[in-house]
C-alpha atoms as a PDB file:
ATOM      1  CA  MET A   1      49.377 120.826 116.695  1.00  0.00           C
ATOM      2  CA  ARG A   2      51.592 122.414 119.281  1.00  0.00           C
ATOM      3  CA  ARG A   3      55.138 121.008 119.384  1.00  0.00           C
ATOM      4  CA  HIS A   4      56.343 119.649 122.737  1.00  0.00           C
ATOM      5  CA  PRO A   5      59.086 121.874 124.259  1.00  0.00           C
ATOM      6  CA  LEU A   6      61.504 118.933 124.274  1.00  0.00           C
ATOM      7  CA  PHE A   7      61.135 118.441 120.516  1.00  0.00           C
ATOM      8  CA  ALA A   8      61.426 122.177 119.980  1.00  0.00           C
ATOM      9  CA  ALA A   9      64.698 122.227 121.922  1.00  0.00           C
ATOM     10  CA  ARG A  10      66.030 119.343 119.853  1.00  0.00           C
ATOM     11  CA  SER A  11      65.108 121.156 116.619  1.00  0.00           C
ATOM     12  CA  ILE A  12      66.818 124.322 117.793  1.00  0.00           C
ATOM     13  CA  GLY A  13      69.873 122.259 118.775  1.00  0.00           C
ATOM     14  CA  ARG A  14      70.058 120.658 115.342  1.00  0.00           C
ATOM     15  CA  GLY A  15      69.765 124.114 113.787  1.00  0.00           C
ATOM     16  CA  VAL A  16      72.653 125.433 115.884  1.00  0.00           C
ATOM     17  CA  VAL A  17      74.790 122.425 114.913  1.00  0.00           C
ATOM     18  CA  ALA A  18      73.971 122.949 111.226  1.00  0.00           C
ATOM     19  CA  VAL A  19      74.836 126.652 111.393  1.00  0.00           C
ATOM     20  CA  THR A  20      78.061 125.896 113.297  1.00  0.00           C
ATOM     21  CA  ALA A  21      79.076 123.252 110.752  1.00  0.00           C
ATOM     22  CA  ALA A  22      78.421 125.652 107.900  1.00  0.00           C
ATOM     23  CA  ALA A  23      80.505 128.335 109.610  1.00  0.00           C
ATOM     24  CA  LEU A  24      83.364 125.873 110.119  1.00  0.00           C
ATOM     25  CA  LEU A  25      83.214 124.878 106.456  1.00  0.00           C
ATOM     26  CA  VAL A  26      83.444 128.524 105.406  1.00  0.00           C
ATOM     27  CA  CYS A  27      86.399 129.008 107.746  1.00  0.00           C
ATOM     28  CA  VAL A  28      88.205 125.899 106.493  1.00  0.00           C
ATOM     29  CA  VAL A  29      87.814 127.080 102.905  1.00  0.00           C
ATOM     30  CA  GLY A  30      88.263 130.796 103.375  1.00  0.00           C
ATOM     31  CA  CYS A  31      90.112 131.511 106.635  1.00  0.00           C
ATOM     32  CA  GLY A  32      93.854 132.048 106.784  1.00  0.00           C
ATOM     33  CA  GLY A  33      96.335 129.728 108.464  1.00  0.00           C
ATOM     34  CA  THR A  34      99.698 128.153 107.694  1.00  0.00           C
ATOM     35  CA  LEU A  35      99.644 124.626 106.293  1.00  0.00           C
ATOM     36  CA  VAL A  36     102.807 122.915 107.585  1.00  0.00           C
ATOM     37  CA  VAL A  37     103.782 120.106 105.213  1.00  0.00           C
ATOM     38  CA  ARG A  38     105.912 117.145 106.296  1.00  0.00           C
ATOM     39  CA  ALA A  39     109.070 116.649 104.231  1.00  0.00           C
ATOM     40  CA  PRO A  40     109.457 113.175 102.635  1.00  0.00           C
ATOM     41  CA  GLN A  41     111.683 110.937 104.773  1.00  0.00           C
ATOM     42  CA  GLU A  42     111.826 107.696 102.819  1.00  0.00           C
ATOM     43  CA  PRO A  43     115.007 106.952 100.795  1.00  0.00           C
ATOM     44  CA  GLN A  44     114.786 107.858  97.112  1.00  0.00           C
ATOM     45  CA  ALA A  45     116.399 104.702  95.685  1.00  0.00           C
ATOM     46  CA  HIS A  46     117.279 104.350  92.002  1.00  0.00           C
ATOM     47  CA  ALA A  47     118.664 100.974  90.950  1.00  0.00           C
ATOM     48  CA  GLU A  48     119.720 102.282  87.523  1.00  0.00           C
ATOM     49  CA  SER A  49     121.778 105.195  88.864  1.00  0.00           C
ATOM     50  CA  VAL A  50     124.620 106.138  86.517  1.00  0.00           C
ATOM     51  CA  LEU A  51     126.484 107.433  89.571  1.00  0.00           C
ATOM     52  CA  GLY A  52     127.210 103.807  90.414  1.00  0.00           C
ATOM     53  CA  GLN A  53     128.930 103.224  87.067  1.00  0.00           C
ATOM     54  CA  ILE A  54     132.036 105.199  88.035  1.00  0.00           C
ATOM     55  CA  ALA A  55     134.746 104.301  90.553  1.00  0.00           C
ATOM     56  CA  PRO A  56     133.784 105.029  94.175  1.00  0.00           C
ATOM     57  CA  LEU A  57     134.826 108.490  95.323  1.00  0.00           C
ATOM     58  CA  ALA A  58     135.117 110.399  98.581  1.00  0.00           C
ATOM     59  CA  ILE A  59     132.843 113.389  97.993  1.00  0.00           C
ATOM     60  CA  ALA A  60     132.363 116.473 100.151  1.00  0.00           C
ATOM     61  CA  VAL A  61     128.847 117.901  99.999  1.00  0.00           C
ATOM     62  CA  PRO A  62     128.666 121.222 101.877  1.00  0.00           C
ATOM     63  CA  PRO A  63     125.300 122.474 103.173  1.00  0.00           C
ATOM     64  CA  ALA A  64     123.052 123.799 100.426  1.00  0.00           C
ATOM     65  CA  THR A  65     122.924 127.523  99.814  1.00  0.00           C
ATOM     66  CA  GLY A  66     120.207 129.748  98.431  1.00  0.00           C
ATOM     67  CA  ALA A  67     117.206 128.168 100.162  1.00  0.00           C
ATOM     68  CA  ALA A  68     114.659 129.913 102.331  1.00  0.00           C
ATOM     69  CA  ALA A  69     114.788 129.420 106.073  1.00  0.00           C
ATOM     70  CA  ALA A  70     112.737 126.565 107.496  1.00  0.00           C
ATOM     71  CA  ALA A  71     110.159 128.917 109.030  1.00  0.00           C
ATOM     72  CA  ASP A  72     109.662 130.937 105.848  1.00  0.00           C
ATOM     73  CA  PRO A  73     106.593 130.123 103.726  1.00  0.00           C
ATOM     74  CA  LEU A  74     107.273 128.381 100.420  1.00  0.00           C
ATOM     75  CA  GLY A  75     104.035 129.608  98.865  1.00  0.00           C
ATOM     76  CA  GLU A  76     100.377 129.945  99.665  1.00  0.00           C
ATOM     77  CA  ARG A  77      97.043 128.231  99.145  1.00  0.00           C
ATOM     78  CA  ALA A  78      94.084 130.240  97.993  1.00  0.00           C
ATOM     79  CA  GLY A  79      90.942 130.247 100.053  1.00  0.00           C
ATOM     80  CA  GLY A  80      87.389 129.880  98.844  1.00  0.00           C
ATOM     81  CA  TRP A  81      85.369 132.632  97.214  1.00  0.00           C
ATOM     82  CA  GLY A  82      88.397 134.840  96.605  1.00  0.00           C
ATOM     83  CA  ARG A  83      89.618 134.747 100.203  1.00  0.00           C
ATOM     84  CA  ARG A  84      93.258 134.066 101.052  1.00  0.00           C
ATOM     85  CA  GLY A  85      93.703 130.619 102.520  1.00  0.00           C
ATOM     86  CA  GLY A  86      97.134 130.952 104.117  1.00  0.00           C
ATOM     87  CA  ASP A  87     100.805 130.148 103.723  1.00  0.00           C
ATOM     88  CA  ILE A  88     102.395 126.770 103.016  1.00  0.00           C
ATOM     89  CA  ALA A  89     105.528 125.877 104.993  1.00  0.00           C
ATOM     90  CA  LEU A  90     107.784 122.809 105.291  1.00  0.00           C
ATOM     91  CA  THR A  91     108.786 120.950 108.456  1.00  0.00           C
ATOM     92  CA  GLU A  92     112.388 120.788 107.189  1.00  0.00           C
ATOM     93  CA  HIS A  93     114.682 123.456 105.786  1.00  0.00           C
ATOM     94  CA  PRO A  94     114.327 123.165 101.963  1.00  0.00           C
ATOM     95  CA  GLY A  95     118.110 123.223 101.584  1.00  0.00           C
ATOM     96  CA  SER A  96     118.439 120.399 104.109  1.00  0.00           C
ATOM     97  CA  LEU A  97     115.870 118.322 102.202  1.00  0.00           C
ATOM     98  CA  VAL A  98     117.660 118.842  98.868  1.00  0.00           C
ATOM     99  CA  HIS A  99     121.033 118.084 100.500  1.00  0.00           C
ATOM    100  CA  ARG A 100     119.642 114.854 101.959  1.00  0.00           C
ATOM    101  CA  VAL A 101     118.285 113.749  98.575  1.00  0.00           C
ATOM    102  CA  VAL A 102     121.632 114.386  96.825  1.00  0.00           C
ATOM    103  CA  VAL A 103     123.610 112.598  99.555  1.00  0.00           C
ATOM    104  CA  GLN A 104     121.226 109.620  99.308  1.00  0.00           C
ATOM    105  CA  GLN A 105     121.933 109.270  95.596  1.00  0.00           C
ATOM    106  CA  LEU A 106     125.692 109.389  96.113  1.00  0.00           C
ATOM    107  CA  GLU A 107     125.737 106.896  98.979  1.00  0.00           C
ATOM    108  CA  GLN A 108     123.343 104.472  97.299  1.00  0.00           C
ATOM    109  CA  ALA A 109     125.667 104.514  94.282  1.00  0.00           C
ATOM    110  CA  GLY A 110     128.609 103.425  96.460  1.00  0.00           C
ATOM    111  CA  HIS A 111     130.328 106.762  97.097  1.00  0.00           C
ATOM    112  CA  ARG A 112     131.429 108.076 100.493  1.00  0.00           C
ATOM    113  CA  VAL A 113     130.259 111.493 101.658  1.00  0.00           C
ATOM    114  CA  VAL A 114     133.083 112.947 103.763  1.00  0.00           C
ATOM    115  CA  ALA A 115     133.798 116.104 105.730  1.00  0.00           C
ATOM    116  CA  ALA A 116     137.543 116.199 105.061  1.00  0.00           C
ATOM    117  CA  ASP A 117     140.087 115.061 102.431  1.00  0.00           C
ATOM    118  CA  PRO A 118     137.601 114.582  99.590  1.00  0.00           C
ATOM    119  CA  ASP A 119     138.444 113.518  96.069  1.00  0.00           C
ATOM    120  CA  VAL A 120     135.944 116.049  94.765  1.00  0.00           C
ATOM    121  CA  VAL A 121     133.456 118.619  96.085  1.00  0.00           C
ATOM    122  CA  LEU A 122     129.784 118.762  95.083  1.00  0.00           C
ATOM    123  CA  GLY A 123     128.151 122.087  95.903  1.00  0.00           C
ATOM    124  CA  ILE A 124     124.374 122.574  96.032  1.00  0.00           C
ATOM    125  CA  HIS A 125     122.565 125.839  95.357  1.00  0.00           C
ATOM    126  CA  VAL A 126     118.764 125.887  95.589  1.00  0.00           C
ATOM    127  CA  LEU A 127     117.453 128.224  92.896  1.00  0.00           C
ATOM    128  CA  GLU A 128     113.766 127.606  93.589  1.00  0.00           C
ATOM    129  CA  PHE A 129     111.657 125.637  96.035  1.00  0.00           C
ATOM    130  CA  ALA A 130     108.025 126.691  95.776  1.00  0.00           C
ATOM    131  CA  VAL A 131     104.743 125.099  96.858  1.00  0.00           C
ATOM    132  CA  ASP A 132     101.569 126.856  95.719  1.00  0.00           C
ATOM    133  CA  ALA A 133      97.870 126.036  95.583  1.00  0.00           C
ATOM    134  CA  PRO A 134      95.993 128.721  93.599  1.00  0.00           C
ATOM    135  CA  ARG A 135      92.340 128.512  92.612  1.00  0.00           C
ATOM    136  CA  ALA A 136      91.751 126.879  89.230  1.00  0.00           C
ATOM    137  CA  GLY A 137      88.162 126.934  88.009  1.00  0.00           C
ATOM    138  CA  ARG A 138      86.001 125.312  90.679  1.00  0.00           C
ATOM    139  CA  GLY A 139      88.983 123.741  92.432  1.00  0.00           C
ATOM    140  CA  TRP A 140      92.633 124.224  93.227  1.00  0.00           C
ATOM    141  CA  ASP A 141      95.888 123.362  91.435  1.00  0.00           C
ATOM    142  CA  VAL A 142      98.669 122.204  93.768  1.00  0.00           C
ATOM    143  CA  THR A 143     102.109 122.773  92.231  1.00  0.00           C
ATOM    144  CA  VAL A 144     105.577 122.054  93.608  1.00  0.00           C
ATOM    145  CA  SER A 145     108.537 123.509  91.687  1.00  0.00           C
ATOM    146  CA  ILE A 146     112.156 122.706  92.546  1.00  0.00           C
ATOM    147  CA  GLN A 147     115.235 123.976  90.735  1.00  0.00           C
ATOM    148  CA  VAL A 148     118.729 123.115  91.938  1.00  0.00           C
ATOM    149  CA  ALA A 149     122.255 123.800  90.648  1.00  0.00           C
ATOM    150  CA  LEU A 150     124.995 121.249  91.408  1.00  0.00           C
ATOM    151  CA  ARG A 151     128.599 122.414  91.038  1.00  0.00           C
ATOM    152  CA  VAL A 152     131.427 119.862  90.784  1.00  0.00           C
ATOM    153  CA  GLU A 153     134.904 121.115  91.790  1.00  0.00           C
ATOM    154  CA  ARG A 154     138.196 119.530  92.712  1.00  0.00           C
ATOM    155  CA  GLU A 155     138.115 121.904  95.686  1.00  0.00           C
ATOM    156  CA  PRO A 156     136.136 125.075  96.461  1.00  0.00           C
ATOM    157  CA  GLY A 157     137.281 127.967  94.293  1.00  0.00           C
ATOM    158  CA  SER A 158     139.281 125.847  91.859  1.00  0.00           C
ATOM    159  CA  GLU A 159     139.427 126.886  88.208  1.00  0.00           C
ATOM    160  CA  ALA A 160     138.215 123.519  86.923  1.00  0.00           C
ATOM    161  CA  TRP A 161     134.527 122.998  87.592  1.00  0.00           C
ATOM    162  CA  SER A 162     131.268 121.879  86.005  1.00  0.00           C
ATOM    163  CA  GLU A 163     127.738 122.952  86.896  1.00  0.00           C
ATOM    164  CA  PHE A 164     124.429 121.228  86.249  1.00  0.00           C
ATOM    165  CA  VAL A 165     120.909 122.566  86.759  1.00  0.00           C
ATOM    166  CA  TYR A 166     117.992 120.297  87.657  1.00  0.00           C
ATOM    167  CA  SER A 167     114.370 121.370  87.385  1.00  0.00           C
ATOM    168  CA  THR A 168     111.349 119.360  88.448  1.00  0.00           C
ATOM    169  CA  GLU A 169     107.674 120.259  88.781  1.00  0.00           C
ATOM    170  CA  SER A 170     104.671 118.227  89.899  1.00  0.00           C
ATOM    171  CA  THR A 171     101.038 119.319  89.770  1.00  0.00           C
ATOM    172  CA  GLY A 172      97.733 117.928  91.000  1.00  0.00           C
ATOM    173  CA  HIS A 173      94.151 119.171  91.015  1.00  0.00           C
ATOM    174  CA  THR A 174      91.592 118.981  93.784  1.00  0.00           C
ATOM    175  CA  LEU A 175      87.974 120.101  94.094  1.00  0.00           C
ATOM    176  CA  ALA A 176      88.277 120.407  97.879  1.00  0.00           C
ATOM    177  CA  PRO A 177      90.417 122.959  99.706  1.00  0.00           C
ATOM    178  CA  PRO A 178      93.976 121.558  99.549  1.00  0.00           C
ATOM    179  CA  GLY A 179      95.107 119.887 102.755  1.00  0.00           C
ATOM    180  CA  LEU A 180      98.129 117.930 103.909  1.00  0.00           C
ATOM    181  CA  ALA A 181      97.358 114.734 101.978  1.00  0.00           C
ATOM    182  CA  ILE A 182      97.426 116.159  98.453  1.00  0.00           C
ATOM    183  CA  VAL A 183     100.194 118.719  99.107  1.00  0.00           C
ATOM    184  CA  GLU A 184     102.468 116.065 100.634  1.00  0.00           C
ATOM    185  CA  ARG A 185     101.745 113.701  97.732  1.00  0.00           C
ATOM    186  CA  ILE A 186     102.658 116.318  95.132  1.00  0.00           C
ATOM    187  CA  LEU A 187     105.751 117.294  97.142  1.00  0.00           C
ATOM    188  CA  GLY A 188     106.821 113.648  97.248  1.00  0.00           C
ATOM    189  CA  GLU A 189     106.459 113.344  93.484  1.00  0.00           C
ATOM    190  CA  ALA A 190     108.615 116.434  92.927  1.00  0.00           C
ATOM    191  CA  VAL A 191     111.315 115.208  95.322  1.00  0.00           C
ATOM    192  CA  ARG A 192     111.385 111.827  93.577  1.00  0.00           C
ATOM    193  CA  GLY A 193     111.740 113.669  90.271  1.00  0.00           C
ATOM    194  CA  LEU A 194     114.761 115.544  91.627  1.00  0.00           C
ATOM    195  CA  ALA A 195     116.319 112.324  92.916  1.00  0.00           C
ATOM    196  CA  SER A 196     115.765 110.617  89.574  1.00  0.00           C
ATOM    197  CA  GLY A 197     117.364 113.544  87.739  1.00  0.00           C
ATOM    198  CA  VAL A 198     120.478 113.446  89.921  1.00  0.00           C
ATOM    199  CA  ALA A 199     120.792 109.655  89.662  1.00  0.00           C
ATOM    200  CA  GLY A 200     120.327 109.589  85.889  1.00  0.00           C
ATOM    201  CA  ARG A 201     122.553 112.504  84.784  1.00  0.00           C
ATOM    202  CA  GLU A 202     125.470 110.928  82.906  1.00  0.00           C
ATOM    203  CA  ALA A 203     127.251 114.279  82.568  1.00  0.00           C
ATOM    204  CA  LEU A 204     127.278 114.661  86.367  1.00  0.00           C
ATOM    205  CA  ALA A 205     128.799 111.212  86.802  1.00  0.00           C
ATOM    206  CA  ALA A 206     131.424 112.004  84.157  1.00  0.00           C
ATOM    207  CA  ALA A 207     132.342 115.304  85.847  1.00  0.00           C
ATOM    208  CA  LEU A 208     132.696 113.601  89.232  1.00  0.00           C
ATOM    209  CA  GLN A 209     134.900 110.942  87.697  1.00  0.00           C
ATOM    210  CA  ARG A 210     137.034 113.420  85.747  1.00  0.00           C
ATOM    211  CA  LEU A 211     137.642 115.879  88.556  1.00  0.00           C
ATOM    212  CA  GLY A 212     137.823 113.201  91.244  1.00  0.00           C
ATOM    213  CA  SER A 213     140.486 111.293  89.346  1.00  0.00           C
ATOM    214  CA  THR A 214     142.863 114.271  89.651  1.00  0.00           C
ATOM    215  CA  ALA A 215     142.958 113.909  93.424  1.00  0.00           C
ATOM    216  CA  GLY A 216     146.474 113.590  94.722  1.00  0.00           C
END
């Protein structure tokens, strides 16, 4: 039986839509493009912070050093079928994010972060801040790695100082091409891990207390 032209047109239309959808799927999985990830904004509160067990101090926290610029990619996500997916970038300078997390822990513990006349100085150096999503079997592994060095000094360049290194890594797996939802979730977990490490480091609290107590 001969098909009516109207039905034929509808069939062709559905075929075009199906082909277009398939092409879009291939592009989503395999085409390049930067995935811009939102930095966590919520406070990283820790009720059991050992930083609150020492006397309140006025602490200077200079801007973090060592981090990539905000526009620089932090890593990349693999595409499908061996094709490169694109870079992964952050909406906030990684050093600014780490600085904000450290300042949050100090202020929530009752300390004052000051620009002048501090009791002690806490320097931040970002050793690593990487976000990658390589292929893993039939899916992707999303990994966020952060490594930070905190240096406690009475004042910059003083002979008495202590340094502490914090490392945190969070990983998740997805069968679909990694998008904002999973990358931001894994990033949030890593940032919370960093905050927890800073808040729970007794040696850091002791160094702040020891060097801060020498303030004249």
